[in-house]
N, C-alpha and C. Protein backbone atom coordinates (compact mmCIF):
# COMPACT_ATOMS: atom_id res chain seq x y z
N MET A 1 24.08 -23.59 -28.25
CA MET A 1 23.69 -23.06 -26.98
C MET A 1 23.85 -21.55 -26.95
N SER A 2 24.93 -21.04 -27.55
CA SER A 2 25.13 -19.59 -27.55
C SER A 2 24.13 -18.92 -28.46
N GLY A 3 23.63 -19.62 -29.47
CA GLY A 3 22.64 -19.03 -30.38
C GLY A 3 21.33 -18.76 -29.67
N SER A 4 20.86 -19.72 -28.86
CA SER A 4 19.60 -19.49 -28.16
C SER A 4 19.77 -18.48 -27.04
N GLY A 5 20.92 -18.46 -26.38
CA GLY A 5 21.17 -17.49 -25.33
C GLY A 5 21.28 -16.09 -25.89
N GLY A 6 21.90 -15.96 -27.06
CA GLY A 6 22.01 -14.65 -27.69
C GLY A 6 20.66 -14.13 -28.14
N ALA A 7 19.81 -15.05 -28.64
CA ALA A 7 18.48 -14.62 -29.07
C ALA A 7 17.64 -14.19 -27.88
N ALA A 8 17.78 -14.90 -26.75
CA ALA A 8 17.03 -14.52 -25.56
C ALA A 8 17.52 -13.19 -25.01
N ALA A 9 18.81 -12.96 -25.07
CA ALA A 9 19.34 -11.68 -24.58
C ALA A 9 18.90 -10.54 -25.49
N ALA A 10 18.87 -10.79 -26.79
CA ALA A 10 18.44 -9.74 -27.71
C ALA A 10 16.95 -9.45 -27.53
N ALA A 11 16.16 -10.50 -27.28
CA ALA A 11 14.73 -10.30 -27.11
C ALA A 11 14.43 -9.57 -25.81
N SER A 12 15.18 -9.87 -24.75
CA SER A 12 14.91 -9.21 -23.48
C SER A 12 15.42 -7.77 -23.48
N GLY A 13 16.38 -7.44 -24.33
CA GLY A 13 16.92 -6.09 -24.37
C GLY A 13 16.07 -5.13 -25.17
N SER A 14 15.20 -5.65 -26.03
CA SER A 14 14.38 -4.75 -26.85
C SER A 14 13.15 -4.30 -26.07
N ALA A 15 12.67 -3.14 -26.42
CA ALA A 15 11.51 -2.57 -25.73
C ALA A 15 10.24 -3.27 -26.19
N PRO A 16 9.24 -3.38 -25.32
CA PRO A 16 7.99 -4.02 -25.73
C PRO A 16 7.23 -3.14 -26.71
N PRO A 17 6.45 -3.76 -27.58
CA PRO A 17 5.69 -2.96 -28.52
C PRO A 17 4.60 -2.16 -27.83
N ALA A 18 4.01 -1.23 -28.56
CA ALA A 18 3.02 -0.32 -27.99
C ALA A 18 1.79 -1.07 -27.48
N GLN A 19 1.48 -2.24 -28.04
CA GLN A 19 0.30 -2.97 -27.61
C GLN A 19 0.44 -3.41 -26.15
N GLU A 20 1.65 -3.70 -25.70
CA GLU A 20 1.87 -4.17 -24.35
C GLU A 20 1.94 -3.03 -23.34
N GLU A 21 1.92 -1.80 -23.78
CA GLU A 21 2.00 -0.66 -22.87
C GLU A 21 0.64 -0.23 -22.37
N GLY A 22 -0.41 -0.89 -22.76
CA GLY A 22 -1.73 -0.55 -22.26
C GLY A 22 -2.50 0.42 -23.14
N MET A 23 -2.08 0.64 -24.36
CA MET A 23 -2.81 1.52 -25.27
C MET A 23 -3.99 0.74 -25.85
N THR A 24 -5.15 1.38 -25.85
CA THR A 24 -6.30 0.74 -26.47
C THR A 24 -6.18 0.84 -27.99
N TRP A 25 -6.96 0.04 -28.69
CA TRP A 25 -6.85 0.01 -30.15
C TRP A 25 -7.26 1.35 -30.74
N TRP A 26 -8.29 1.98 -30.18
CA TRP A 26 -8.74 3.24 -30.76
C TRP A 26 -7.74 4.36 -30.48
N TYR A 27 -7.05 4.33 -29.36
CA TYR A 27 -6.05 5.36 -29.07
C TYR A 27 -4.84 5.18 -29.97
N ARG A 28 -4.48 3.94 -30.23
CA ARG A 28 -3.36 3.66 -31.14
C ARG A 28 -3.68 4.17 -32.54
N TRP A 29 -4.93 3.98 -33.00
CA TRP A 29 -5.34 4.48 -34.32
C TRP A 29 -5.42 6.00 -34.33
N LEU A 30 -5.83 6.59 -33.20
CA LEU A 30 -5.85 8.05 -33.10
C LEU A 30 -4.45 8.62 -33.24
N CYS A 31 -3.49 7.98 -32.59
CA CYS A 31 -2.09 8.43 -32.70
C CYS A 31 -1.59 8.29 -34.13
N ARG A 32 -1.92 7.17 -34.77
CA ARG A 32 -1.49 6.98 -36.16
C ARG A 32 -2.14 7.99 -37.10
N LEU A 33 -3.43 8.23 -36.90
CA LEU A 33 -4.14 9.19 -37.74
C LEU A 33 -3.57 10.60 -37.56
N SER A 34 -3.29 10.97 -36.32
CA SER A 34 -2.71 12.30 -36.11
C SER A 34 -1.30 12.38 -36.69
N GLY A 35 -0.57 11.27 -36.70
CA GLY A 35 0.73 11.25 -37.34
C GLY A 35 0.65 11.47 -38.83
N VAL A 36 -0.33 10.83 -39.47
CA VAL A 36 -0.51 11.00 -40.92
C VAL A 36 -0.97 12.43 -41.22
N LEU A 37 -1.92 12.94 -40.45
CA LEU A 37 -2.37 14.32 -40.66
C LEU A 37 -1.24 15.32 -40.38
N GLY A 38 -0.42 15.02 -39.38
CA GLY A 38 0.74 15.88 -39.11
C GLY A 38 1.74 15.86 -40.25
N ALA A 39 1.90 14.70 -40.87
CA ALA A 39 2.79 14.61 -42.03
C ALA A 39 2.27 15.43 -43.20
N VAL A 40 0.97 15.36 -43.42
CA VAL A 40 0.38 16.13 -44.52
C VAL A 40 0.53 17.63 -44.25
N SER A 41 0.25 18.05 -43.02
CA SER A 41 0.36 19.49 -42.71
C SER A 41 1.80 19.96 -42.78
N CYS A 42 2.74 19.12 -42.35
CA CYS A 42 4.15 19.48 -42.46
C CYS A 42 4.58 19.61 -43.92
N ALA A 43 4.14 18.69 -44.74
CA ALA A 43 4.54 18.72 -46.15
C ALA A 43 3.98 19.96 -46.86
N VAL A 44 2.70 20.23 -46.65
CA VAL A 44 2.09 21.38 -47.32
C VAL A 44 2.71 22.68 -46.81
N SER A 45 2.84 22.81 -45.50
CA SER A 45 3.43 24.03 -44.94
C SER A 45 4.90 24.15 -45.32
N GLY A 46 5.59 23.03 -45.40
CA GLY A 46 6.99 23.07 -45.81
C GLY A 46 7.16 23.56 -47.24
N LEU A 47 6.25 23.13 -48.12
CA LEU A 47 6.29 23.62 -49.50
C LEU A 47 6.03 25.13 -49.55
N PHE A 48 5.05 25.59 -48.81
CA PHE A 48 4.77 27.03 -48.78
C PHE A 48 5.93 27.80 -48.15
N ASN A 49 6.58 27.19 -47.19
CA ASN A 49 7.70 27.84 -46.52
C ASN A 49 8.91 27.97 -47.44
N CYS A 50 9.04 27.07 -48.39
CA CYS A 50 10.19 27.10 -49.31
C CYS A 50 10.03 28.15 -50.41
N ILE A 51 8.84 28.69 -50.57
CA ILE A 51 8.61 29.70 -51.61
C ILE A 51 8.97 31.06 -51.03
N THR A 52 10.25 31.33 -50.94
CA THR A 52 10.75 32.58 -50.38
C THR A 52 12.20 32.76 -50.78
N VAL A 53 12.76 33.90 -50.46
CA VAL A 53 14.18 34.12 -50.71
C VAL A 53 14.97 34.11 -49.40
N HIS A 54 14.27 34.04 -48.27
CA HIS A 54 14.93 34.02 -46.97
C HIS A 54 15.48 32.62 -46.70
N PRO A 55 16.80 32.49 -46.50
CA PRO A 55 17.39 31.15 -46.38
C PRO A 55 16.92 30.37 -45.15
N LEU A 56 16.63 31.03 -44.04
CA LEU A 56 16.16 30.30 -42.86
C LEU A 56 14.76 29.71 -43.08
N ASN A 57 13.93 30.42 -43.81
CA ASN A 57 12.61 29.87 -44.14
C ASN A 57 12.74 28.65 -45.04
N ILE A 58 13.67 28.71 -45.98
CA ILE A 58 13.89 27.57 -46.87
C ILE A 58 14.40 26.37 -46.07
N ALA A 59 15.33 26.61 -45.15
CA ALA A 59 15.86 25.53 -44.31
C ALA A 59 14.75 24.92 -43.45
N ALA A 60 13.90 25.77 -42.87
CA ALA A 60 12.79 25.27 -42.06
C ALA A 60 11.81 24.48 -42.94
N GLY A 61 11.57 24.95 -44.16
CA GLY A 61 10.67 24.24 -45.06
C GLY A 61 11.20 22.88 -45.47
N VAL A 62 12.48 22.80 -45.75
CA VAL A 62 13.09 21.52 -46.09
C VAL A 62 13.02 20.57 -44.90
N TRP A 63 13.27 21.09 -43.70
CA TRP A 63 13.18 20.27 -42.49
C TRP A 63 11.76 19.75 -42.29
N MET A 64 10.78 20.61 -42.57
CA MET A 64 9.39 20.20 -42.42
C MET A 64 9.01 19.11 -43.43
N ILE A 65 9.53 19.20 -44.63
CA ILE A 65 9.27 18.16 -45.62
C ILE A 65 9.93 16.85 -45.20
N ALA A 66 11.12 16.94 -44.64
CA ALA A 66 11.78 15.74 -44.11
C ALA A 66 10.99 15.17 -42.94
N ASN A 67 10.44 16.04 -42.07
CA ASN A 67 9.58 15.57 -40.97
C ASN A 67 8.37 14.83 -41.51
N ALA A 68 7.79 15.35 -42.58
CA ALA A 68 6.62 14.71 -43.17
C ALA A 68 6.97 13.31 -43.67
N PHE A 69 8.11 13.18 -44.30
CA PHE A 69 8.53 11.87 -44.79
C PHE A 69 8.77 10.90 -43.64
N VAL A 70 9.43 11.36 -42.58
CA VAL A 70 9.71 10.49 -41.43
C VAL A 70 8.41 10.09 -40.73
N LEU A 71 7.49 11.04 -40.56
CA LEU A 71 6.21 10.71 -39.93
C LEU A 71 5.44 9.67 -40.75
N LEU A 72 5.40 9.85 -42.05
CA LEU A 72 4.72 8.86 -42.90
C LEU A 72 5.43 7.52 -42.86
N LEU A 73 6.72 7.55 -42.83
CA LEU A 73 7.50 6.31 -42.79
C LEU A 73 7.25 5.55 -41.50
N CYS A 74 7.11 6.27 -40.39
CA CYS A 74 6.92 5.63 -39.09
C CYS A 74 5.47 5.23 -38.84
N GLU A 75 4.53 6.08 -39.20
CA GLU A 75 3.13 5.85 -38.84
C GLU A 75 2.32 5.15 -39.93
N ALA A 76 2.67 5.34 -41.18
CA ALA A 76 1.93 4.72 -42.28
C ALA A 76 2.90 4.25 -43.35
N PRO A 77 3.60 3.14 -43.10
CA PRO A 77 4.61 2.70 -44.07
C PRO A 77 4.02 2.29 -45.41
N PHE A 78 2.73 1.98 -45.47
CA PHE A 78 2.13 1.62 -46.76
C PHE A 78 2.07 2.82 -47.70
N CYS A 79 2.14 4.04 -47.15
CA CYS A 79 2.18 5.24 -48.00
C CYS A 79 3.54 5.40 -48.67
N CYS A 80 4.55 4.76 -48.12
CA CYS A 80 5.91 4.85 -48.66
C CYS A 80 6.32 3.51 -49.25
N SER A 81 5.45 2.92 -50.06
CA SER A 81 5.75 1.60 -50.61
C SER A 81 6.91 1.62 -51.60
N PHE A 82 7.26 2.81 -52.10
CA PHE A 82 8.38 2.92 -53.01
C PHE A 82 9.72 2.86 -52.29
N VAL A 83 9.72 2.96 -50.97
CA VAL A 83 10.95 2.87 -50.18
C VAL A 83 11.09 1.43 -49.70
N GLU A 84 12.21 0.81 -50.02
CA GLU A 84 12.39 -0.61 -49.73
C GLU A 84 12.43 -0.90 -48.23
N PHE A 85 12.99 0.00 -47.44
CA PHE A 85 13.18 -0.26 -46.02
C PHE A 85 12.04 0.30 -45.15
N ALA A 86 10.92 0.67 -45.74
CA ALA A 86 9.82 1.30 -44.99
C ALA A 86 9.25 0.37 -43.93
N ASN A 87 9.01 -0.88 -44.27
CA ASN A 87 8.44 -1.81 -43.30
C ASN A 87 9.42 -2.12 -42.17
N THR A 88 10.70 -2.16 -42.48
CA THR A 88 11.71 -2.40 -41.45
C THR A 88 11.76 -1.24 -40.46
N VAL A 89 11.75 -0.02 -40.97
CA VAL A 89 11.77 1.16 -40.10
C VAL A 89 10.50 1.21 -39.26
N ALA A 90 9.34 0.93 -39.86
CA ALA A 90 8.08 0.96 -39.12
C ALA A 90 8.06 -0.10 -38.01
N ALA A 91 8.63 -1.26 -38.29
CA ALA A 91 8.68 -2.31 -37.25
C ALA A 91 9.57 -1.88 -36.10
N LYS A 92 10.70 -1.24 -36.41
CA LYS A 92 11.59 -0.77 -35.34
C LYS A 92 10.95 0.35 -34.54
N VAL A 93 10.22 1.23 -35.19
CA VAL A 93 9.55 2.33 -34.49
C VAL A 93 8.43 1.78 -33.61
N ASP A 94 7.74 0.74 -34.06
CA ASP A 94 6.67 0.14 -33.26
C ASP A 94 7.20 -0.49 -31.98
N ARG A 95 8.48 -0.87 -31.97
CA ARG A 95 9.06 -1.45 -30.77
C ARG A 95 9.48 -0.40 -29.75
N LEU A 96 9.50 0.87 -30.17
CA LEU A 96 9.86 1.94 -29.23
C LEU A 96 8.74 2.14 -28.22
N ARG A 97 9.12 2.61 -27.05
CA ARG A 97 8.13 2.95 -26.03
C ARG A 97 7.44 4.25 -26.41
N SER A 98 6.30 4.49 -25.81
CA SER A 98 5.52 5.68 -26.15
C SER A 98 6.25 6.96 -25.82
N TRP A 99 6.96 6.99 -24.70
CA TRP A 99 7.66 8.23 -24.33
C TRP A 99 8.81 8.51 -25.29
N GLN A 100 9.42 7.47 -25.85
CA GLN A 100 10.49 7.67 -26.82
C GLN A 100 9.93 8.26 -28.12
N LYS A 101 8.77 7.75 -28.54
CA LYS A 101 8.12 8.32 -29.72
C LYS A 101 7.73 9.77 -29.46
N ALA A 102 7.24 10.05 -28.26
CA ALA A 102 6.81 11.41 -27.92
C ALA A 102 7.98 12.38 -28.00
N VAL A 103 9.11 12.01 -27.44
CA VAL A 103 10.29 12.88 -27.48
C VAL A 103 10.76 13.06 -28.92
N PHE A 104 10.76 12.00 -29.69
CA PHE A 104 11.23 12.06 -31.08
C PHE A 104 10.33 12.96 -31.92
N TYR A 105 9.00 12.75 -31.84
CA TYR A 105 8.07 13.53 -32.66
C TYR A 105 8.03 14.99 -32.23
N CYS A 106 8.01 15.25 -30.93
CA CYS A 106 7.99 16.64 -30.46
C CYS A 106 9.30 17.34 -30.82
N GLY A 107 10.41 16.64 -30.70
CA GLY A 107 11.70 17.22 -31.07
C GLY A 107 11.78 17.55 -32.55
N MET A 108 11.25 16.63 -33.38
CA MET A 108 11.24 16.90 -34.82
C MET A 108 10.39 18.11 -35.15
N ALA A 109 9.30 18.31 -34.43
CA ALA A 109 8.39 19.41 -34.73
C ALA A 109 8.91 20.75 -34.22
N ILE A 110 9.75 20.74 -33.21
CA ILE A 110 10.25 21.99 -32.63
C ILE A 110 11.40 22.58 -33.46
N VAL A 111 12.21 21.74 -34.08
CA VAL A 111 13.40 22.21 -34.80
C VAL A 111 13.06 23.26 -35.88
N PRO A 112 12.07 23.06 -36.76
CA PRO A 112 11.78 24.10 -37.75
C PRO A 112 11.29 25.41 -37.12
N ILE A 113 10.60 25.29 -35.99
CA ILE A 113 10.13 26.49 -35.31
C ILE A 113 11.31 27.28 -34.75
N ILE A 114 12.32 26.57 -34.27
CA ILE A 114 13.54 27.23 -33.78
C ILE A 114 14.30 27.87 -34.94
N ILE A 115 14.33 27.19 -36.08
CA ILE A 115 15.05 27.73 -37.24
C ILE A 115 14.39 29.01 -37.74
N SER A 116 13.06 28.98 -37.89
CA SER A 116 12.35 30.14 -38.42
C SER A 116 10.98 30.21 -37.77
N LEU A 117 10.82 31.16 -36.87
CA LEU A 117 9.56 31.31 -36.16
C LEU A 117 8.59 32.15 -36.99
N THR A 118 7.77 31.44 -37.77
CA THR A 118 6.73 32.10 -38.57
C THR A 118 5.41 31.39 -38.33
N LEU A 119 4.34 31.99 -38.78
CA LEU A 119 3.03 31.38 -38.62
C LEU A 119 2.93 30.08 -39.41
N THR A 120 3.58 30.02 -40.55
CA THR A 120 3.54 28.81 -41.37
C THR A 120 4.21 27.64 -40.65
N THR A 121 5.35 27.90 -40.02
CA THR A 121 6.03 26.81 -39.31
C THR A 121 5.26 26.41 -38.05
N LEU A 122 4.67 27.38 -37.38
CA LEU A 122 3.88 27.05 -36.19
C LEU A 122 2.67 26.19 -36.52
N LEU A 123 1.90 26.63 -37.50
CA LEU A 123 0.69 25.88 -37.87
C LEU A 123 1.02 24.56 -38.54
N GLY A 124 2.08 24.53 -39.33
CA GLY A 124 2.45 23.30 -40.02
C GLY A 124 2.94 22.21 -39.09
N ASN A 125 3.57 22.59 -38.00
CA ASN A 125 4.11 21.61 -37.07
C ASN A 125 3.19 21.34 -35.88
N ALA A 126 2.06 22.01 -35.82
CA ALA A 126 1.18 21.85 -34.67
C ALA A 126 0.64 20.43 -34.55
N ILE A 127 0.20 19.84 -35.65
CA ILE A 127 -0.36 18.49 -35.58
C ILE A 127 0.73 17.45 -35.36
N ALA A 128 1.91 17.68 -35.93
CA ALA A 128 3.03 16.76 -35.67
C ALA A 128 3.42 16.81 -34.20
N PHE A 129 3.41 18.00 -33.61
CA PHE A 129 3.70 18.13 -32.19
C PHE A 129 2.60 17.48 -31.36
N ALA A 130 1.35 17.62 -31.81
CA ALA A 130 0.23 16.99 -31.11
C ALA A 130 0.35 15.47 -31.13
N THR A 131 0.90 14.92 -32.19
CA THR A 131 1.14 13.47 -32.23
C THR A 131 2.09 13.06 -31.13
N GLY A 132 3.16 13.83 -30.96
CA GLY A 132 4.09 13.55 -29.86
C GLY A 132 3.43 13.69 -28.51
N VAL A 133 2.54 14.66 -28.37
CA VAL A 133 1.84 14.84 -27.10
C VAL A 133 0.91 13.65 -26.84
N LEU A 134 0.23 13.16 -27.86
CA LEU A 134 -0.64 11.99 -27.69
C LEU A 134 0.16 10.77 -27.25
N TYR A 135 1.32 10.56 -27.85
CA TYR A 135 2.17 9.44 -27.42
C TYR A 135 2.69 9.66 -26.00
N GLY A 136 2.98 10.90 -25.66
CA GLY A 136 3.42 11.20 -24.30
C GLY A 136 2.33 10.94 -23.28
N LEU A 137 1.10 11.29 -23.61
CA LEU A 137 -0.01 11.02 -22.70
C LEU A 137 -0.24 9.53 -22.52
N SER A 138 -0.04 8.77 -23.58
CA SER A 138 -0.20 7.31 -23.44
C SER A 138 0.91 6.72 -22.59
N ALA A 139 2.07 7.37 -22.57
CA ALA A 139 3.16 6.88 -21.73
C ALA A 139 2.87 7.11 -20.25
N LEU A 140 2.06 8.13 -19.94
CA LEU A 140 1.70 8.38 -18.55
C LEU A 140 0.82 7.28 -17.99
N GLY A 141 0.05 6.66 -18.83
CA GLY A 141 -0.79 5.56 -18.38
C GLY A 141 -2.21 5.98 -18.11
N LYS A 142 -3.00 4.98 -17.73
CA LYS A 142 -4.40 5.20 -17.48
C LYS A 142 -4.60 5.78 -16.08
N LYS A 143 -5.54 6.67 -15.97
CA LYS A 143 -5.85 7.27 -14.67
C LYS A 143 -6.64 6.26 -13.84
N GLY A 144 -6.23 6.09 -12.59
CA GLY A 144 -6.92 5.16 -11.71
C GLY A 144 -8.19 5.77 -11.13
N ASP A 145 -9.12 4.91 -10.73
CA ASP A 145 -10.34 5.43 -10.13
C ASP A 145 -10.14 5.66 -8.63
N ALA A 146 -10.98 6.45 -8.05
CA ALA A 146 -10.84 6.85 -6.64
C ALA A 146 -11.06 5.67 -5.71
N ILE A 147 -11.93 4.75 -6.06
CA ILE A 147 -12.23 3.61 -5.18
C ILE A 147 -11.01 2.71 -5.05
N ALA A 148 -10.36 2.40 -6.17
CA ALA A 148 -9.16 1.56 -6.12
C ALA A 148 -8.06 2.25 -5.33
N TYR A 149 -7.91 3.55 -5.52
CA TYR A 149 -6.89 4.30 -4.79
C TYR A 149 -7.19 4.28 -3.29
N ALA A 150 -8.46 4.43 -2.91
CA ALA A 150 -8.84 4.41 -1.49
C ALA A 150 -8.56 3.04 -0.88
N ARG A 151 -8.81 1.95 -1.62
CA ARG A 151 -8.51 0.60 -1.12
C ARG A 151 -7.01 0.42 -0.88
N ILE A 152 -6.21 0.89 -1.81
CA ILE A 152 -4.76 0.77 -1.65
C ILE A 152 -4.29 1.55 -0.42
N GLN A 153 -4.81 2.74 -0.26
CA GLN A 153 -4.44 3.55 0.90
C GLN A 153 -4.89 2.87 2.19
N GLN A 154 -6.06 2.28 2.21
CA GLN A 154 -6.55 1.59 3.41
C GLN A 154 -5.68 0.39 3.73
N GLN A 155 -5.27 -0.37 2.72
CA GLN A 155 -4.41 -1.53 2.95
C GLN A 155 -3.05 -1.09 3.49
N ARG A 156 -2.51 0.00 2.96
CA ARG A 156 -1.23 0.51 3.47
C ARG A 156 -1.36 0.94 4.92
N GLN A 157 -2.45 1.61 5.25
CA GLN A 157 -2.66 2.10 6.60
C GLN A 157 -2.80 0.92 7.57
N GLN A 158 -3.53 -0.12 7.17
CA GLN A 158 -3.66 -1.30 8.02
C GLN A 158 -2.32 -1.99 8.23
N ALA A 159 -1.52 -2.07 7.18
CA ALA A 159 -0.20 -2.70 7.30
C ALA A 159 0.69 -1.90 8.26
N GLU A 160 0.63 -0.58 8.17
CA GLU A 160 1.43 0.25 9.08
C GLU A 160 0.96 0.10 10.52
N GLU A 161 -0.37 0.02 10.73
CA GLU A 161 -0.90 -0.15 12.08
C GLU A 161 -0.48 -1.50 12.66
N GLU A 162 -0.49 -2.55 11.83
CA GLU A 162 -0.06 -3.87 12.30
C GLU A 162 1.42 -3.86 12.67
N LYS A 163 2.25 -3.20 11.87
CA LYS A 163 3.68 -3.10 12.19
C LYS A 163 3.89 -2.37 13.50
N LEU A 164 3.15 -1.29 13.69
CA LEU A 164 3.27 -0.51 14.91
C LEU A 164 2.83 -1.32 16.11
N ALA A 165 1.74 -2.09 15.98
CA ALA A 165 1.25 -2.94 17.07
C ALA A 165 2.26 -4.02 17.40
N GLU A 166 2.88 -4.64 16.38
CA GLU A 166 3.91 -5.67 16.63
C GLU A 166 5.12 -5.07 17.33
N THR A 167 5.50 -3.87 16.94
CA THR A 167 6.64 -3.20 17.56
C THR A 167 6.34 -2.90 19.03
N LEU A 168 5.14 -2.43 19.31
CA LEU A 168 4.76 -2.13 20.69
C LEU A 168 4.68 -3.40 21.54
N GLU A 169 4.17 -4.49 20.97
CA GLU A 169 4.09 -5.75 21.70
C GLU A 169 5.48 -6.32 21.96
N GLY A 170 6.39 -6.11 21.03
CA GLY A 170 7.77 -6.60 21.20
C GLY A 170 8.50 -5.85 22.30
N GLU A 171 8.16 -4.59 22.51
CA GLU A 171 8.82 -3.80 23.55
C GLU A 171 8.32 -4.16 24.93
N LEU A 172 7.08 -4.63 25.06
CA LEU A 172 6.50 -4.98 26.36
C LEU A 172 6.89 -6.32 26.77
């Protein structure tokens, strides 16, 4: 009995996957593609950033290469088939909400820029930051149409008028 209760508690405590958040299939693929492109740009820019004698540039370059690995691990685990835990990490990342991914990816992209503000770090992290922005936009949800919004407002107004009429009738 405790086994099934524990499994139900664990299942209810985990976040729903991205498919249940209302992301369309093409938007999900757009986010994944931008993640892979962001990883490539981080890796290339990180390598160029490491070719220097300035220690902060080297630190930013190493961080960017680590960002590239994490982005590939999260968004395209088949690219990291040599890592045994790649599919496990990708499954856990897929269970995160979109806003959590957005904060994580944008935070990862900002750190090298804070370490060393150069054109290489800015351009190299731009697509990785854009991936976080795309996930953040998906967390905001779909924009409603004006007709549905007008119907909701009309129903609210009618409900308030009925409450006011009942209150006035109760006083008389």
